[in-house]
Amino acid sequence: MSQTQADQAVHAVAEHPAVRHGLQSSHRRQELESLLSARALLHAQLHPGPSPRAVERLRGLSPEVFFERYFARNQPVIVEGLLEDWPALKRWTPEWLAERFGDEEVEVMAGRGAEPDPDFHAERLRRTQTMRSLVAQVRGTPASDDVYLVARNSLLLKPAFRSLLDDLRPPAGFIHPDLSAPDSVHLWFGPAGTLSNLHHDHLNILFCQVLGRKRFWLLPPSETPRLYNDRGLYSAVDIRAPDARRFPDFARACLHSCVVGPGDALLIPVGWWHAVQALDVSLSVTFVSFDRPERNVEWRDYWIGPRPEKVQR
């Protein structure tokens, strides 16, 4: 090939629409990463101290302050005392669930412990069993991530379990009082040891702990370039034992941590990365319908890869 022909070939490749689009996308990605890097630095300056930083914990927080200082500013906070009038705090135990709903069928995620990426294989892990057998499994299992009743199982949408909503009180001024809308409230139930590894959600969440304790690790959206976001909303980093050789940038991320116990309500802002591990047998409730005209703020076009249920091993 002559020099002229080689030059023409290189020019043709450079002018190809796919290459031009790729270059344009690359520039935009660099600009975005530069912006996120600046925001990450500002966040670290706002939250000085050794890692992990504590999540702010307040009692008596008014809805006005909650929405102005935390919800609108995309900042997590633990609100104490928000669930004090919940009958669930006095009534809900695994034994009570077995007595009240023992013969009712529930859907769970089973075999999670043997699956490296359980959230990507939800359909394969779905199992149905009675509430009585689930409670026996939860109580009889040492710390394990093998079985978990998660939001995806939509227990509170089943007619047999709708009465559980009577034991909840949407925090006045924080959560919209109508809990009948689909997907506005979810229940989580499992043994100590259940783990949701590092990911972020596409909505703001008010995470309310009813029974037991859960540990949270949280990182702001500006840390995304350091979190090895390999698939959709998920990070490749194992929060329990980050591999410094595979993921060296993670060590520079601004990590926050907290433990929520019975009666605590944690705001997980939209886009905030988080991992959750149960320290005890645990019952949790999550809300996404806030008492505002728009109800929530959505992270749009958030799924970058295949849907979890469609991913093949």
Protein backbone atom coordinates (compact mmCIF):
# COMPACT_ATOMS: atom_id res chain seq x y z
CA MET A 1 0.00 0.00 0.00
CA SER A 2 1.35 3.41 -0.94
CA GLN A 3 1.62 6.31 1.49
CA THR A 4 -1.27 8.02 -0.26
CA GLN A 5 -3.47 4.95 0.06
CA ALA A 6 -2.52 4.58 3.74
CA ASP A 7 -3.37 8.22 4.39
CA GLN A 8 -6.72 7.80 2.65
CA ALA A 9 -7.50 4.68 4.70
CA VAL A 10 -6.67 6.44 7.98
CA HIS A 11 -8.79 9.43 6.95
CA ALA A 12 -11.71 7.16 6.06
CA VAL A 13 -11.56 5.47 9.46
CA ALA A 14 -11.33 8.81 11.29
CA GLU A 15 -14.37 10.11 9.41
CA HIS A 16 -16.46 7.01 10.02
CA PRO A 17 -19.64 7.95 11.97
CA ALA A 18 -18.95 5.33 14.66
CA VAL A 19 -15.44 6.65 15.29
CA ARG A 20 -16.59 10.28 15.34
CA HIS A 21 -19.37 9.41 17.79
CA GLY A 22 -16.92 7.48 19.97
CA LEU A 23 -14.51 10.41 20.12
CA GLN A 24 -17.33 12.78 21.00
CA SER A 25 -18.54 10.41 23.75
CA SER A 26 -14.98 10.09 25.05
CA HIS A 27 -14.67 13.86 25.42
CA ARG A 28 -17.99 14.05 27.23
CA ARG A 29 -16.95 11.23 29.56
CA GLN A 30 -13.72 13.05 30.41
CA GLU A 31 -15.66 16.22 31.17
CA LEU A 32 -18.08 14.28 33.37
CA GLU A 33 -15.29 12.53 35.25
CA SER A 34 -13.56 15.87 35.81
CA LEU A 35 -16.78 17.33 37.24
CA LEU A 36 -17.34 14.30 39.48
CA SER A 37 -13.74 14.49 40.69
CA ALA A 38 -14.23 18.11 41.72
CA ARG A 39 -17.48 17.28 43.50
CA ALA A 40 -15.84 14.34 45.27
CA LEU A 41 -13.09 16.65 46.55
CA LEU A 42 -15.65 19.16 47.79
CA HIS A 43 -17.61 16.39 49.51
CA ALA A 44 -14.47 15.15 51.27
CA GLN A 45 -13.73 18.70 52.46
CA LEU A 46 -17.29 18.98 53.79
CA HIS A 47 -16.88 15.69 55.67
CA PRO A 48 -13.31 15.70 57.05
CA GLY A 49 -11.91 12.94 59.19
CA PRO A 50 -10.80 9.33 58.91
CA SER A 51 -12.71 6.86 56.76
CA PRO A 52 -15.38 5.71 57.17
CA ARG A 53 -17.19 8.90 58.19
CA ALA A 54 -20.24 8.66 60.46
CA VAL A 55 -23.66 9.38 59.00
CA GLU A 56 -25.37 12.28 60.75
CA ARG A 57 -27.94 11.14 63.33
CA LEU A 58 -30.69 13.48 64.60
CA ARG A 59 -33.78 13.28 66.80
CA GLY A 60 -36.79 15.56 66.49
CA LEU A 61 -36.04 16.50 62.88
CA SER A 62 -38.97 18.36 61.31
CA PRO A 63 -40.18 17.49 57.79
CA GLU A 64 -39.26 21.00 56.62
CA VAL A 65 -35.64 20.66 57.73
CA PHE A 66 -35.50 17.08 56.46
CA PHE A 67 -36.51 18.07 52.93
CA GLU A 68 -34.50 21.31 52.81
CA ARG A 69 -31.18 20.15 54.30
CA TYR A 70 -31.08 16.48 53.35
CA PHE A 71 -33.56 15.36 50.70
CA ALA A 72 -33.04 18.40 48.42
CA ARG A 73 -29.28 18.47 49.04
CA ASN A 74 -28.84 14.75 48.36
CA GLN A 75 -27.41 14.04 51.83
CA PRO A 76 -28.07 10.96 53.99
CA VAL A 77 -29.33 11.30 57.55
CA ILE A 78 -30.62 8.99 60.27
CA VAL A 79 -33.80 10.25 61.92
CA GLU A 80 -34.41 8.85 65.38
CA GLY A 81 -37.84 8.58 66.95
CA LEU A 82 -39.71 8.73 63.64
CA LEU A 83 -41.29 5.28 64.11
CA GLU A 84 -42.20 5.47 67.79
CA ASP A 85 -45.94 5.08 67.12
CA TRP A 86 -45.55 1.95 64.97
CA PRO A 87 -47.36 -1.13 66.33
CA ALA A 88 -44.84 -3.12 64.26
CA LEU A 89 -42.03 -2.17 66.67
CA LYS A 90 -43.84 -3.96 69.51
CA ARG A 91 -45.50 -6.76 67.54
CA TRP A 92 -43.30 -7.92 64.69
CA THR A 93 -41.08 -10.86 65.50
CA PRO A 94 -40.33 -13.97 63.44
CA GLU A 95 -42.42 -16.01 65.87
CA TRP A 96 -45.38 -13.66 65.53
CA LEU A 97 -45.15 -13.86 61.74
CA ALA A 98 -45.12 -17.67 61.92
CA GLU A 99 -48.14 -17.69 64.23
CA ARG A 100 -50.13 -15.10 62.25
CA PHE A 101 -49.20 -16.11 58.68
CA GLY A 102 -47.66 -19.56 59.12
CA ASP A 103 -49.55 -21.36 56.34
CA GLU A 104 -49.33 -18.50 53.84
CA GLU A 105 -46.91 -18.88 50.97
CA VAL A 106 -44.11 -16.37 50.59
CA GLU A 107 -41.62 -15.85 47.81
CA VAL A 108 -37.94 -15.59 48.76
CA MET A 109 -34.52 -15.51 47.17
CA ALA A 110 -32.87 -18.82 48.08
CA GLY A 111 -29.39 -20.14 47.36
CA ARG A 112 -27.90 -16.64 47.42
CA GLY A 113 -24.84 -17.77 49.33
CA ALA A 114 -23.67 -19.98 46.47
CA GLU A 115 -24.27 -17.30 43.83
CA PRO A 116 -21.54 -14.64 43.43
CA ASP A 117 -24.01 -12.15 41.88
CA PRO A 118 -27.44 -12.95 43.35
CA ASP A 119 -29.06 -9.71 42.16
CA PHE A 120 -28.23 -10.64 38.57
CA HIS A 121 -29.93 -14.03 38.83
CA ALA A 122 -33.11 -13.17 40.70
CA GLU A 123 -35.42 -15.28 38.55
CA ARG A 124 -33.28 -18.36 39.05
CA LEU A 125 -33.18 -17.86 42.82
CA ARG A 126 -36.91 -17.35 43.39
CA ARG A 127 -38.45 -19.99 45.65
CA THR A 128 -41.87 -20.34 47.32
CA GLN A 129 -42.35 -21.68 50.83
CA THR A 130 -44.62 -21.13 53.80
CA MET A 131 -43.96 -18.34 56.24
CA ARG A 132 -43.61 -20.94 58.99
CA SER A 133 -40.80 -22.75 57.16
CA LEU A 134 -39.09 -19.44 56.35
CA VAL A 135 -39.13 -18.40 60.01
CA ALA A 136 -37.72 -21.80 61.03
CA GLN A 137 -34.96 -21.38 58.44
CA VAL A 138 -34.17 -17.83 59.55
CA ARG A 139 -34.09 -18.77 63.24
CA GLY A 140 -32.20 -22.02 62.71
CA THR A 141 -29.49 -20.65 60.43
CA PRO A 142 -26.29 -19.05 61.68
CA ALA A 143 -25.18 -15.87 59.93
CA SER A 144 -25.92 -16.54 56.26
CA ASP A 145 -26.87 -14.86 53.01
CA ASP A 146 -28.59 -17.98 51.71
CA VAL A 147 -32.24 -16.96 52.04
CA TYR A 148 -33.73 -13.46 51.99
CA LEU A 149 -37.17 -11.97 51.54
CA VAL A 150 -36.37 -8.76 49.64
CA ALA A 151 -38.32 -5.87 48.09
CA ARG A 152 -38.37 -7.72 44.77
CA ASN A 153 -40.63 -10.34 46.37
CA SER A 154 -43.39 -7.70 46.92
CA LEU A 155 -44.85 -9.42 49.99
CA LEU A 156 -47.04 -6.45 50.97
CA LEU A 157 -48.83 -6.55 47.62
CA LYS A 158 -50.24 -10.01 48.42
CA PRO A 159 -53.80 -9.86 49.84
CA ALA A 160 -52.95 -12.24 52.70
CA PHE A 161 -50.30 -9.83 54.01
CA ARG A 162 -51.98 -6.47 53.44
CA SER A 163 -52.98 -6.36 57.11
CA LEU A 164 -49.31 -5.75 57.94
CA LEU A 165 -49.78 -2.22 56.63
CA ASP A 166 -52.01 -1.53 59.65
CA ASP A 167 -48.92 -1.90 61.85
CA LEU A 168 -47.09 0.88 60.01
CA ARG A 169 -47.59 4.63 60.31
CA PRO A 170 -46.22 6.63 57.37
CA PRO A 171 -44.16 9.30 59.17
CA ALA A 172 -46.36 12.41 59.02
CA GLY A 173 -44.99 15.06 56.70
CA PHE A 174 -42.21 12.77 55.47
CA ILE A 175 -44.01 9.93 53.66
CA HIS A 176 -47.25 10.19 51.70
CA PRO A 177 -50.07 8.71 53.79
CA ASP A 178 -51.48 6.54 50.98
CA LEU A 179 -49.68 3.19 51.10
CA SER A 180 -52.03 1.46 48.67
CA ALA A 181 -50.06 2.47 45.57
CA PRO A 182 -47.95 -0.38 44.12
CA ASP A 183 -44.28 -0.33 45.09
CA SER A 184 -44.68 2.52 47.58
CA VAL A 185 -43.63 0.35 50.54
CA HIS A 186 -41.64 -2.90 50.79
CA LEU A 187 -40.70 -5.44 53.44
CA TRP A 188 -37.29 -7.12 53.98
CA PHE A 189 -36.85 -10.19 56.23
CA GLY A 190 -33.86 -12.44 56.71
CA PRO A 191 -31.24 -13.87 59.05
CA ALA A 192 -28.07 -12.24 60.27
CA GLY A 193 -25.54 -12.15 57.47
CA THR A 194 -27.72 -11.18 54.54
CA LEU A 195 -25.79 -8.85 52.26
CA SER A 196 -26.71 -6.43 49.51
CA ASN A 197 -23.38 -5.53 47.96
CA LEU A 198 -22.38 -2.11 46.66
CA HIS A 199 -25.02 -0.57 44.36
CA HIS A 200 -27.19 2.50 44.05
CA ASP A 201 -30.93 2.89 43.56
CA HIS A 202 -32.81 5.06 41.08
CA LEU A 203 -35.04 6.70 43.73
CA ASN A 204 -34.67 8.25 47.18
CA ILE A 205 -35.42 5.67 49.88
CA LEU A 206 -36.46 6.01 53.51
CA PHE A 207 -35.12 2.83 55.11
CA CYS A 208 -36.90 2.02 58.39
CA GLN A 209 -35.57 -0.65 60.75
CA VAL A 210 -38.15 -2.62 62.74
CA LEU A 211 -36.22 -5.56 64.23
CA GLY A 212 -32.49 -6.23 64.56
CA ARG A 213 -29.60 -4.13 63.28
CA LYS A 214 -28.08 -3.50 59.86
CA ARG A 215 -24.74 -2.02 58.91
CA PHE A 216 -24.62 0.42 55.99
CA TRP A 217 -21.68 1.57 53.90
CA LEU A 218 -22.49 4.64 51.76
CA LEU A 219 -20.65 6.71 49.14
CA PRO A 220 -21.91 9.79 47.27
CA PRO A 221 -22.61 9.71 43.51
CA SER A 222 -19.49 11.80 42.87
CA GLU A 223 -17.38 8.78 43.81
CA THR A 224 -18.71 6.73 40.87
CA PRO A 225 -15.42 6.84 38.87
CA ARG A 226 -13.66 5.17 41.85
CA LEU A 227 -16.26 2.45 42.38
CA TYR A 228 -15.68 0.24 39.31
CA ASN A 229 -19.28 0.48 38.14
CA ASP A 230 -19.07 -2.51 35.81
CA ARG A 231 -22.75 -3.38 35.36
CA GLY A 232 -25.82 -1.22 35.62
CA LEU A 233 -26.28 0.04 39.15
CA TYR A 234 -23.66 -2.29 40.62
CA SER A 235 -20.02 -1.99 41.67
CA ALA A 236 -17.48 -4.79 41.24
CA VAL A 237 -15.95 -3.98 44.66
CA ASP A 238 -16.65 -6.41 47.52
CA ILE A 239 -17.41 -3.98 50.33
CA ARG A 240 -16.35 -6.50 53.01
CA ALA A 241 -12.87 -7.05 51.57
CA PRO A 242 -11.94 -4.53 48.84
CA ASP A 243 -9.14 -5.87 46.65
CA ALA A 244 -6.58 -3.04 46.64
CA ARG A 245 -4.71 -4.50 43.67
CA ARG A 246 -7.79 -4.86 41.44
CA PHE A 247 -9.51 -1.69 42.66
CA PRO A 248 -6.79 0.75 43.78
CA ASP A 249 -8.95 3.88 43.31
CA PHE A 250 -11.53 2.65 45.82
CA ALA A 251 -9.12 3.41 48.68
CA ARG A 252 -9.44 7.13 47.86
CA ALA A 253 -13.25 7.16 47.92
CA CYS A 254 -15.07 9.04 50.69
CA LEU A 255 -16.78 6.21 52.57
CA HIS A 256 -19.52 6.71 55.17
CA SER A 257 -20.82 4.07 57.56
CA CYS A 258 -23.56 3.60 60.15
CA VAL A 259 -25.59 0.99 62.00
CA VAL A 260 -29.37 1.33 62.08
CA GLY A 261 -31.40 -0.33 64.84
CA PRO A 262 -35.09 -0.66 65.73
CA GLY A 263 -36.86 2.67 65.31
CA ASP A 264 -34.18 4.26 63.10
CA ALA A 265 -35.08 5.76 59.71
CA LEU A 266 -32.23 6.31 57.24
CA LEU A 267 -32.56 8.49 54.16
CA ILE A 268 -30.62 6.87 51.29
CA PRO A 269 -30.49 9.66 48.71
CA VAL A 270 -30.96 8.84 45.04
CA GLY A 271 -27.68 7.87 43.39
CA TRP A 272 -25.85 7.21 46.66
CA TRP A 273 -23.91 3.96 46.54
CA HIS A 274 -24.59 1.67 49.47
CA ALA A 275 -24.05 -1.84 50.76
CA VAL A 276 -26.09 -3.37 53.57
CA GLN A 277 -25.37 -6.31 55.88
CA ALA A 278 -27.69 -7.63 58.60
CA LEU A 279 -26.01 -7.97 61.98
CA ASP A 280 -29.01 -9.79 63.49
CA VAL A 281 -32.22 -11.43 62.36
CA SER A 282 -33.78 -8.43 60.69
CA LEU A 283 -37.11 -6.93 59.61
CA SER A 284 -36.99 -3.70 57.61
CA VAL A 285 -39.47 -1.51 55.73
CA THR A 286 -38.63 0.87 52.88
CA PHE A 287 -40.67 3.77 51.52
CA VAL A 288 -40.22 5.60 48.21
CA SER A 289 -43.35 7.79 48.15
CA PHE A 290 -42.39 11.01 49.92
CA ASP A 291 -44.94 13.60 51.01
CA ARG A 292 -44.16 16.03 48.22
CA PRO A 293 -46.12 16.78 45.01
CA GLU A 294 -43.52 14.97 42.89
CA ARG A 295 -43.28 12.10 45.46
CA ASN A 296 -39.67 11.31 44.49
CA VAL A 297 -36.75 12.17 42.19
CA GLU A 298 -35.74 9.55 39.63
CA TRP A 299 -32.30 8.64 38.31
CA ARG A 300 -33.37 8.30 34.66
CA ASP A 301 -31.82 5.96 32.08
CA TYR A 302 -29.96 4.35 34.92
CA TRP A 303 -29.49 0.83 33.56
CA ILE A 304 -26.34 0.64 31.43
CA GLY A 305 -26.18 -3.13 30.91
CA PRO A 306 -28.51 -6.12 30.67
CA ARG A 307 -31.34 -6.36 33.14
CA PRO A 308 -30.36 -8.56 36.10
CA GLU A 309 -32.94 -11.24 35.30
CA LYS A 310 -31.66 -11.49 31.69
CA VAL A 311 -27.96 -11.87 32.46
CA GLN A 312 -26.61 -15.34 31.67
CA ARG A 313 -23.69 -16.93 33.45
